[in-house]
């Protein structure tokens, strides 16, 4: 296990082994670990704009006016990753 950890490259999500670069897929997990992979990985539900504003203000400590301005530009309860990067 330690040998695999040393060869893991998070930038490419793969292992760099002497034979070549190898990526582990969900099929590999099923075959090697006998773990069933069933259904959707995650189901997302649409949040109301006011709930998203409250979460961003409380958890990320951004100014409410800036959050509302960004959401107007994104046409919904969304913010852009570039906006988050600019905030921090």
PDB file of N, CA and C in Angstrom:
ATOM      1  N   UNK A   1       0.820  -1.180   0.000  1.00  0.00           N
ATOM      2  CA  UNK A   1       0.000   0.000   0.000  1.00  0.00           C
ATOM      3  C   UNK A   1       0.873   1.255   0.000  1.00  0.00           C
ATOM      4  N   UNK A   2       1.945   1.225   0.754  1.00  0.00           N
ATOM      5  CA  UNK A   2       2.848   2.371   0.819  1.00  0.00           C
ATOM      6  C   UNK A   2       3.474   2.656  -0.547  1.00  0.00           C
ATOM      7  N   UNK A   3       3.796   1.624  -1.286  1.00  0.00           N
ATOM      8  CA  UNK A   3       4.374   1.808  -2.623  1.00  0.00           C
ATOM      9  C   UNK A   3       3.395   2.530  -3.539  1.00  0.00           C
ATOM     10  N   UNK A   4       2.108   2.180  -3.448  1.00  0.00           N
ATOM     11  CA  UNK A   4       1.110   2.874  -4.255  1.00  0.00           C
ATOM     12  C   UNK A   4       0.956   4.331  -3.832  1.00  0.00           C
ATOM     13  N   UNK A   5       0.987   4.566  -2.538  1.00  0.00           N
ATOM     14  CA  UNK A   5       0.852   5.937  -2.043  1.00  0.00           C
ATOM     15  C   UNK A   5       1.985   6.817  -2.542  1.00  0.00           C
ATOM     16  N   UNK A   6       3.191   6.280  -2.607  1.00  0.00           N
ATOM     17  CA  UNK A   6       4.338   7.047  -3.072  1.00  0.00           C
ATOM     18  C   UNK A   6       4.255   7.357  -4.565  1.00  0.00           C
ATOM     19  N   UNK A   7       3.556   6.531  -5.315  1.00  0.00           N
ATOM     20  CA  UNK A   7       3.479   6.702  -6.765  1.00  0.00           C
ATOM     21  C   UNK A   7       2.219   7.444  -7.219  1.00  0.00           C
ATOM     22  N   UNK A   8       1.385   7.868  -6.267  1.00  0.00           N
ATOM     23  CA  UNK A   8       0.147   8.581  -6.599  1.00  0.00           C
ATOM     24  C   UNK A   8       0.450  10.030  -6.955  1.00  0.00           C
ATOM     25  N   UNK A   9      -0.113  10.493  -8.060  1.00  0.00           N
ATOM     26  CA  UNK A   9       0.007  11.888  -8.489  1.00  0.00           C
ATOM     27  C   UNK A   9      -1.384  12.490  -8.541  1.00  0.00           C
ATOM     28  N   UNK A  10      -1.690  13.353  -7.572  1.00  0.00           N
ATOM     29  CA  UNK A  10      -3.044  13.891  -7.483  1.00  0.00           C
ATOM     30  C   UNK A  10      -3.377  14.826  -8.640  1.00  0.00           C
ATOM     31  N   UNK A  11      -2.375  15.404  -9.278  1.00  0.00           N
ATOM     32  CA  UNK A  11      -2.632  16.300 -10.406  1.00  0.00           C
ATOM     33  C   UNK A  11      -3.314  15.568 -11.553  1.00  0.00           C
ATOM     34  N   UNK A  12      -2.951  14.313 -11.768  1.00  0.00           N
ATOM     35  CA  UNK A  12      -3.511  13.520 -12.863  1.00  0.00           C
ATOM     36  C   UNK A  12      -4.431  12.409 -12.372  1.00  0.00           C
ATOM     37  N   UNK A  13      -4.591  12.297 -11.051  1.00  0.00           N
ATOM     38  CA  UNK A  13      -5.405  11.232 -10.448  1.00  0.00           C
ATOM     39  C   UNK A  13      -4.997   9.861 -10.972  1.00  0.00           C
ATOM     40  N   UNK A  14      -3.709   9.609 -10.978  1.00  0.00           N
ATOM     41  CA  UNK A  14      -3.219   8.329 -11.490  1.00  0.00           C
ATOM     42  C   UNK A  14      -1.956   7.909 -10.739  1.00  0.00           C
ATOM     43  N   UNK A  15      -1.589   6.644 -10.943  1.00  0.00           N
ATOM     44  CA  UNK A  15      -0.366   6.098 -10.381  1.00  0.00           C
ATOM     45  C   UNK A  15       0.688   6.049 -11.483  1.00  0.00           C
ATOM     46  N   UNK A  16       1.912   6.445 -11.167  1.00  0.00           N
ATOM     47  CA  UNK A  16       3.015   6.360 -12.113  1.00  0.00           C
ATOM     48  C   UNK A  16       3.882   5.158 -11.726  1.00  0.00           C
ATOM     49  N   UNK A  17       3.676   4.066 -12.430  1.00  0.00           N
ATOM     50  CA  UNK A  17       4.380   2.816 -12.155  1.00  0.00           C
ATOM     51  C   UNK A  17       5.514   2.629 -13.157  1.00  0.00           C
ATOM     52  N   UNK A  18       6.459   1.739 -12.867  1.00  0.00           N
ATOM     53  CA  UNK A  18       7.570   1.514 -13.797  1.00  0.00           C
ATOM     54  C   UNK A  18       7.114   1.100 -15.198  1.00  0.00           C
ATOM     55  N   UNK A  19       5.962   0.430 -15.289  1.00  0.00           N
ATOM     56  CA  UNK A  19       5.505  -0.007 -16.611  1.00  0.00           C
ATOM     57  C   UNK A  19       4.842   1.112 -17.393  1.00  0.00           C
ATOM     58  N   UNK A  20       4.101   2.008 -16.683  1.00  0.00           N
ATOM     59  CA  UNK A  20       3.424   3.143 -17.320  1.00  0.00           C
ATOM     60  C   UNK A  20       2.539   3.837 -16.296  1.00  0.00           C
ATOM     61  N   UNK A  21       1.841   4.855 -16.750  1.00  0.00           N
ATOM     62  CA  UNK A  21       0.887   5.553 -15.901  1.00  0.00           C
ATOM     63  C   UNK A  21      -0.418   4.760 -15.878  1.00  0.00           C
ATOM     64  N   UNK A  22      -0.987   4.558 -14.681  1.00  0.00           N
ATOM     65  CA  UNK A  22      -2.174   3.728 -14.530  1.00  0.00           C
ATOM     66  C   UNK A  22      -3.235   4.512 -13.762  1.00  0.00           C
ATOM     67  N   UNK A  23      -4.464   4.417 -14.227  1.00  0.00           N
ATOM     68  CA  UNK A  23      -5.592   5.031 -13.547  1.00  0.00           C
ATOM     69  C   UNK A  23      -6.524   3.937 -13.053  1.00  0.00           C
ATOM     70  N   UNK A  24      -7.010   4.076 -11.829  1.00  0.00           N
ATOM     71  CA  UNK A  24      -7.947   3.113 -11.275  1.00  0.00           C
ATOM     72  C   UNK A  24      -9.362   3.621 -11.544  1.00  0.00           C
ATOM     73  N   UNK A  25     -10.194   2.759 -12.118  1.00  0.00           N
ATOM     74  CA  UNK A  25     -11.562   3.116 -12.448  1.00  0.00           C
ATOM     75  C   UNK A  25     -12.539   2.470 -11.460  1.00  0.00           C
ATOM     76  N   UNK A  26     -13.809   2.842 -11.561  1.00  0.00           N
ATOM     77  CA  UNK A  26     -14.811   2.211 -10.708  1.00  0.00           C
ATOM     78  C   UNK A  26     -14.922   0.718 -10.988  1.00  0.00           C
ATOM     79  N   UNK A  27     -14.719   0.329 -12.234  1.00  0.00           N
ATOM     80  CA  UNK A  27     -14.718  -1.107 -12.561  1.00  0.00           C
ATOM     81  C   UNK A  27     -13.614  -1.838 -11.801  1.00  0.00           C
ATOM     82  N   UNK A  28     -12.445  -1.208 -11.677  1.00  0.00           N
ATOM     83  CA  UNK A  28     -11.345  -1.812 -10.920  1.00  0.00           C
ATOM     84  C   UNK A  28     -11.727  -1.974  -9.450  1.00  0.00           C
ATOM     85  N   UNK A  29     -12.399  -0.976  -8.889  1.00  0.00           N
ATOM     86  CA  UNK A  29     -12.831  -1.051  -7.490  1.00  0.00           C
ATOM     87  C   UNK A  29     -13.781  -2.223  -7.296  1.00  0.00           C
ATOM     88  N   UNK A  30     -14.728  -2.376  -8.221  1.00  0.00           N
ATOM     89  CA  UNK A  30     -15.682  -3.483  -8.129  1.00  0.00           C
ATOM     90  C   UNK A  30     -14.961  -4.822  -8.186  1.00  0.00           C
ATOM     91  N   UNK A  31     -14.047  -4.973  -9.133  1.00  0.00           N
ATOM     92  CA  UNK A  31     -13.369  -6.257  -9.312  1.00  0.00           C
ATOM     93  C   UNK A  31     -12.383  -6.582  -8.196  1.00  0.00           C
ATOM     94  N   UNK A  32     -11.636  -5.597  -7.742  1.00  0.00           N
ATOM     95  CA  UNK A  32     -10.605  -5.846  -6.733  1.00  0.00           C
ATOM     96  C   UNK A  32     -11.145  -5.897  -5.308  1.00  0.00           C
ATOM     97  N   UNK A  33     -12.060  -5.017  -4.984  1.00  0.00           N
ATOM     98  CA  UNK A  33     -12.541  -4.920  -3.606  1.00  0.00           C
ATOM     99  C   UNK A  33     -13.922  -5.518  -3.398  1.00  0.00           C
ATOM    100  N   UNK A  34     -14.559  -5.923  -4.482  1.00  0.00           N
ATOM    101  CA  UNK A  34     -15.896  -6.512  -4.423  1.00  0.00           C
ATOM    102  C   UNK A  34     -16.907  -5.573  -3.769  1.00  0.00           C
ATOM    103  N   UNK A  35     -16.742  -4.277  -4.051  1.00  0.00           N
ATOM    104  CA  UNK A  35     -17.698  -3.287  -3.561  1.00  0.00           C
ATOM    105  C   UNK A  35     -18.690  -2.982  -4.678  1.00  0.00           C
ATOM    106  N   UNK A  36     -19.969  -3.102  -4.406  1.00  0.00           N
ATOM    107  CA  UNK A  36     -20.940  -2.809  -5.456  1.00  0.00           C
ATOM    108  C   UNK A  36     -21.043  -1.297  -5.717  1.00  0.00           C
ATOM    109  N   UNK A  37     -21.013  -0.928  -6.941  1.00  0.00           N
ATOM    110  CA  UNK A  37     -21.201   0.469  -7.340  1.00  0.00           C
ATOM    111  C   UNK A  37     -22.567   0.519  -8.006  1.00  0.00           C
ATOM    112  N   UNK A  38     -23.547   1.047  -7.283  1.00  0.00           N
ATOM    113  CA  UNK A  38     -24.931   1.014  -7.755  1.00  0.00           C
ATOM    114  C   UNK A  38     -25.500   2.433  -7.735  1.00  0.00           C
ATOM    115  N   UNK A  39     -26.228   2.788  -8.771  1.00  0.00           N
ATOM    116  CA  UNK A  39     -26.964   4.043  -8.802  1.00  0.00           C
ATOM    117  C   UNK A  39     -26.089   5.253  -9.039  1.00  0.00           C
ATOM    118  N   UNK A  40     -26.686   6.407  -8.849  1.00  0.00           N
ATOM    119  CA  UNK A  40     -26.006   7.684  -9.072  1.00  0.00           C
ATOM    120  C   UNK A  40     -25.029   7.957  -7.935  1.00  0.00           C
ATOM    121  N   UNK A  41     -23.917   8.586  -8.275  1.00  0.00           N
ATOM    122  CA  UNK A  41     -22.908   8.923  -7.277  1.00  0.00           C
ATOM    123  C   UNK A  41     -23.470   9.926  -6.278  1.00  0.00           C
ATOM    124  N   UNK A  42     -24.156  10.932  -6.786  1.00  0.00           N
ATOM    125  CA  UNK A  42     -24.739  11.956  -5.935  1.00  0.00           C
ATOM    126  C   UNK A  42     -25.890  12.596  -6.695  1.00  0.00           C
ATOM    127  N   UNK A  43     -26.979  12.838  -6.020  1.00  0.00           N
ATOM    128  CA  UNK A  43     -28.080  13.551  -6.667  1.00  0.00           C
ATOM    129  C   UNK A  43     -28.161  14.939  -6.050  1.00  0.00           C
ATOM    130  N   UNK A  44     -28.111  15.936  -6.895  1.00  0.00           N
ATOM    131  CA  UNK A  44     -28.122  17.317  -6.445  1.00  0.00           C
ATOM    132  C   UNK A  44     -29.539  17.867  -6.514  1.00  0.00           C
ATOM    133  N   UNK A  45     -29.901  18.632  -5.524  1.00  0.00           N
ATOM    134  CA  UNK A  45     -31.199  19.291  -5.557  1.00  0.00           C
ATOM    135  C   UNK A  45     -30.976  20.800  -5.597  1.00  0.00           C
ATOM    136  N   UNK A  46     -31.828  21.457  -6.339  1.00  0.00           N
ATOM    137  CA  UNK A  46     -31.729  22.904  -6.512  1.00  0.00           C
ATOM    138  C   UNK A  46     -32.017  23.595  -5.184  1.00  0.00           C
ATOM    139  N   UNK A  47     -31.152  24.487  -4.776  1.00  0.00           N
ATOM    140  CA  UNK A  47     -31.361  25.261  -3.559  1.00  0.00           C
ATOM    141  C   UNK A  47     -31.995  26.602  -3.911  1.00  0.00           C
ATOM    142  N   UNK A  48     -32.768  27.122  -2.996  1.00  0.00           N
ATOM    143  CA  UNK A  48     -33.364  28.436  -3.189  1.00  0.00           C
ATOM    144  C   UNK A  48     -32.265  29.496  -3.047  1.00  0.00           C
ATOM    145  N   UNK A  49     -32.391  30.560  -3.796  1.00  0.00           N
ATOM    146  CA  UNK A  49     -31.372  31.619  -3.829  1.00  0.00           C
ATOM    147  C   UNK A  49     -31.101  32.162  -2.431  1.00  0.00           C
ATOM    148  N   UNK A  50     -32.152  32.397  -1.647  1.00  0.00           N
ATOM    149  CA  UNK A  50     -31.961  32.956  -0.300  1.00  0.00           C
ATOM    150  C   UNK A  50     -31.171  32.005   0.600  1.00  0.00           C
ATOM    151  N   UNK A  51     -31.400  30.700   0.456  1.00  0.00           N
ATOM    152  CA  UNK A  51     -30.644  29.722   1.243  1.00  0.00           C
ATOM    153  C   UNK A  51     -29.166  29.740   0.870  1.00  0.00           C
ATOM    154  N   UNK A  52     -28.888  29.860  -0.418  1.00  0.00           N
ATOM    155  CA  UNK A  52     -27.493  29.899  -0.881  1.00  0.00           C
ATOM    156  C   UNK A  52     -26.804  31.165  -0.387  1.00  0.00           C
ATOM    157  N   UNK A  53     -27.496  32.284  -0.455  1.00  0.00           N
ATOM    158  CA  UNK A  53     -26.935  33.550   0.036  1.00  0.00           C
ATOM    159  C   UNK A  53     -26.593  33.422   1.516  1.00  0.00           C
ATOM    160  N   UNK A  54     -27.524  32.889   2.295  1.00  0.00           N
ATOM    161  CA  UNK A  54     -27.284  32.723   3.734  1.00  0.00           C
ATOM    162  C   UNK A  54     -26.067  31.839   4.001  1.00  0.00           C
ATOM    163  N   UNK A  55     -25.949  30.735   3.247  1.00  0.00           N
ATOM    164  CA  UNK A  55     -24.816  29.824   3.445  1.00  0.00           C
ATOM    165  C   UNK A  55     -23.491  30.484   3.088  1.00  0.00           C
ATOM    166  N   UNK A  56     -23.453  31.206   1.965  1.00  0.00           N
ATOM    167  CA  UNK A  56     -22.202  31.855   1.556  1.00  0.00           C
ATOM    168  C   UNK A  56     -21.793  32.940   2.544  1.00  0.00           C
ATOM    169  N   UNK A  57     -22.758  33.702   3.021  1.00  0.00           N
ATOM    170  CA  UNK A  57     -22.452  34.768   3.987  1.00  0.00           C
ATOM    171  C   UNK A  57     -21.967  34.166   5.299  1.00  0.00           C
ATOM    172  N   UNK A  58     -22.641  33.122   5.761  1.00  0.00           N
ATOM    173  CA  UNK A  58     -22.288  32.519   7.053  1.00  0.00           C
ATOM    174  C   UNK A  58     -21.001  31.705   6.986  1.00  0.00           C
ATOM    175  N   UNK A  59     -20.874  30.843   5.988  1.00  0.00           N
ATOM    176  CA  UNK A  59     -19.755  29.902   5.954  1.00  0.00           C
ATOM    177  C   UNK A  59     -18.491  30.481   5.325  1.00  0.00           C
ATOM    178  N   UNK A  60     -18.652  31.299   4.294  1.00  0.00           N
ATOM    179  CA  UNK A  60     -17.474  31.847   3.606  1.00  0.00           C
ATOM    180  C   UNK A  60     -17.196  33.296   3.975  1.00  0.00           C
ATOM    181  N   UNK A  61     -18.101  33.877   4.779  1.00  0.00           N
ATOM    182  CA  UNK A  61     -17.937  35.243   5.272  1.00  0.00           C
ATOM    183  C   UNK A  61     -17.748  36.257   4.146  1.00  0.00           C
ATOM    184  N   UNK A  62     -18.582  36.143   3.121  1.00  0.00           N
ATOM    185  CA  UNK A  62     -18.573  37.129   2.040  1.00  0.00           C
ATOM    186  C   UNK A  62     -19.703  38.120   2.272  1.00  0.00           C
ATOM    187  N   UNK A  63     -19.604  39.272   1.641  1.00  0.00           N
ATOM    188  CA  UNK A  63     -20.587  40.336   1.827  1.00  0.00           C
ATOM    189  C   UNK A  63     -21.838  40.014   1.022  1.00  0.00           C
ATOM    190  N   UNK A  64     -22.989  40.218   1.639  1.00  0.00           N
ATOM    191  CA  UNK A  64     -24.259  39.820   1.043  1.00  0.00           C
ATOM    192  C   UNK A  64     -24.511  40.496  -0.306  1.00  0.00           C
ATOM    193  N   UNK A  65     -24.116  41.760  -0.436  1.00  0.00           N
ATOM    194  CA  UNK A  65     -24.327  42.500  -1.696  1.00  0.00           C
ATOM    195  C   UNK A  65     -23.505  41.876  -2.816  1.00  0.00           C
ATOM    196  N   UNK A  66     -22.274  41.465  -2.520  1.00  0.00           N
ATOM    197  CA  UNK A  66     -21.428  40.837  -3.529  1.00  0.00           C
ATOM    198  C   UNK A  66     -21.990  39.479  -3.959  1.00  0.00           C
ATOM    199  N   UNK A  67     -22.542  38.725  -3.002  1.00  0.00           N
ATOM    200  CA  UNK A  67     -23.137  37.431  -3.323  1.00  0.00           C
ATOM    201  C   UNK A  67     -24.345  37.619  -4.235  1.00  0.00           C
ATOM    202  N   UNK A  68     -25.218  38.534  -3.888  1.00  0.00           N
ATOM    203  CA  UNK A  68     -26.422  38.765  -4.698  1.00  0.00           C
ATOM    204  C   UNK A  68     -26.051  39.249  -6.099  1.00  0.00           C
ATOM    205  N   UNK A  69     -25.055  40.116  -6.222  1.00  0.00           N
ATOM    206  CA  UNK A  69     -24.606  40.602  -7.527  1.00  0.00           C
ATOM    207  C   UNK A  69     -24.095  39.442  -8.373  1.00  0.00           C
ATOM    208  N   UNK A  70     -23.308  38.557  -7.783  1.00  0.00           N
ATOM    209  CA  UNK A  70     -22.777  37.402  -8.510  1.00  0.00           C
ATOM    210  C   UNK A  70     -23.905  36.476  -8.954  1.00  0.00           C
ATOM    211  N   UNK A  71     -24.872  36.258  -8.104  1.00  0.00           N
ATOM    212  CA  UNK A  71     -25.972  35.356  -8.453  1.00  0.00           C
ATOM    213  C   UNK A  71     -26.854  35.929  -9.563  1.00  0.00           C
ATOM    214  N   UNK A  72     -26.997  37.238  -9.591  1.00  0.00           N
ATOM    215  CA  UNK A  72     -27.751  37.871 -10.682  1.00  0.00           C
ATOM    216  C   UNK A  72     -27.018  37.620 -11.999  1.00  0.00           C
ATOM    217  N   UNK A  73     -25.700  37.746 -11.994  1.00  0.00           N
ATOM    218  CA  UNK A  73     -24.920  37.504 -13.209  1.00  0.00           C
ATOM    219  C   UNK A  73     -24.992  36.040 -13.636  1.00  0.00           C
ATOM    220  N   UNK A  74     -25.131  35.123 -12.673  1.00  0.00           N
ATOM    221  CA  UNK A  74     -25.174  33.687 -12.977  1.00  0.00           C
ATOM    222  C   UNK A  74     -26.595  33.183 -13.223  1.00  0.00           C
ATOM    223  N   UNK A  75     -27.598  34.047 -13.067  1.00  0.00           N
ATOM    224  CA  UNK A  75     -29.003  33.708 -13.330  1.00  0.00           C
ATOM    225  C   UNK A  75     -29.491  32.531 -12.491  1.00  0.00           C
ATOM    226  N   UNK A  76     -29.272  32.614 -11.182  1.00  0.00           N
ATOM    227  CA  UNK A  76     -29.779  31.556 -10.315  1.00  0.00           C
ATOM    228  C   UNK A  76     -28.957  31.422  -9.047  1.00  0.00           C
ATOM    229  N   UNK A  77     -29.126  30.304  -8.384  1.00  0.00           N
ATOM    230  CA  UNK A  77     -28.432  30.073  -7.110  1.00  0.00           C
ATOM    231  C   UNK A  77     -27.050  29.470  -7.360  1.00  0.00           C
ATOM    232  N   UNK A  78     -26.262  30.151  -8.175  1.00  0.00           N
ATOM    233  CA  UNK A  78     -24.932  29.693  -8.560  1.00  0.00           C
ATOM    234  C   UNK A  78     -23.922  30.824  -8.390  1.00  0.00           C
ATOM    235  N   UNK A  79     -22.672  30.450  -8.193  1.00  0.00           N
ATOM    236  CA  UNK A  79     -21.553  31.393  -8.263  1.00  0.00           C
ATOM    237  C   UNK A  79     -20.465  30.748  -9.105  1.00  0.00           C
ATOM    238  N   UNK A  80     -19.655  31.567  -9.727  1.00  0.00           N
ATOM    239  CA  UNK A  80     -18.574  31.057 -10.565  1.00  0.00           C
ATOM    240  C   UNK A  80     -17.350  30.754  -9.709  1.00  0.00           C
ATOM    241  N   UNK A  81     -16.586  29.751 -10.123  1.00  0.00           N
ATOM    242  CA  UNK A  81     -15.347  29.408  -9.432  1.00  0.00           C
ATOM    243  C   UNK A  81     -14.376  30.589  -9.469  1.00  0.00           C
ATOM    244  N   UNK A  82     -14.352  31.305 -10.576  1.00  0.00           N
ATOM    245  CA  UNK A  82     -13.465  32.473 -10.676  1.00  0.00           C
ATOM    246  C   UNK A  82     -13.855  33.545  -9.653  1.00  0.00           C
ATOM    247  N   UNK A  83     -15.147  33.679  -9.372  1.00  0.00           N
ATOM    248  CA  UNK A  83     -15.601  34.630  -8.365  1.00  0.00           C
ATOM    249  C   UNK A  83     -15.100  34.215  -6.985  1.00  0.00           C
ATOM    250  N   UNK A  84     -15.196  32.924  -6.682  1.00  0.00           N
ATOM    251  CA  UNK A  84     -14.685  32.426  -5.402  1.00  0.00           C
ATOM    252  C   UNK A  84     -13.193  32.663  -5.261  1.00  0.00           C
ATOM    253  N   UNK A  85     -12.457  32.430  -6.344  1.00  0.00           N
ATOM    254  CA  UNK A  85     -11.005  32.666  -6.309  1.00  0.00           C
ATOM    255  C   UNK A  85     -10.706  34.132  -6.054  1.00  0.00           C
ATOM    256  N   UNK A  86     -11.472  35.016  -6.678  1.00  0.00           N
ATOM    257  CA  UNK A  86     -11.267  36.447  -6.467  1.00  0.00           C
ATOM    258  C   UNK A  86     -11.576  36.858  -5.032  1.00  0.00           C
ATOM    259  N   UNK A  87     -12.534  36.180  -4.407  1.00  0.00           N
ATOM    260  CA  UNK A  87     -12.902  36.496  -3.017  1.00  0.00           C
ATOM    261  C   UNK A  87     -11.767  36.138  -2.056  1.00  0.00           C
ATOM    262  N   UNK A  88     -11.007  35.097  -2.426  1.00  0.00           N
ATOM    263  CA  UNK A  88      -9.954  34.642  -1.528  1.00  0.00           C
ATOM    264  C   UNK A  88      -8.605  34.795  -2.159  1.00  0.00           C
TER     265      UNK A  88
END
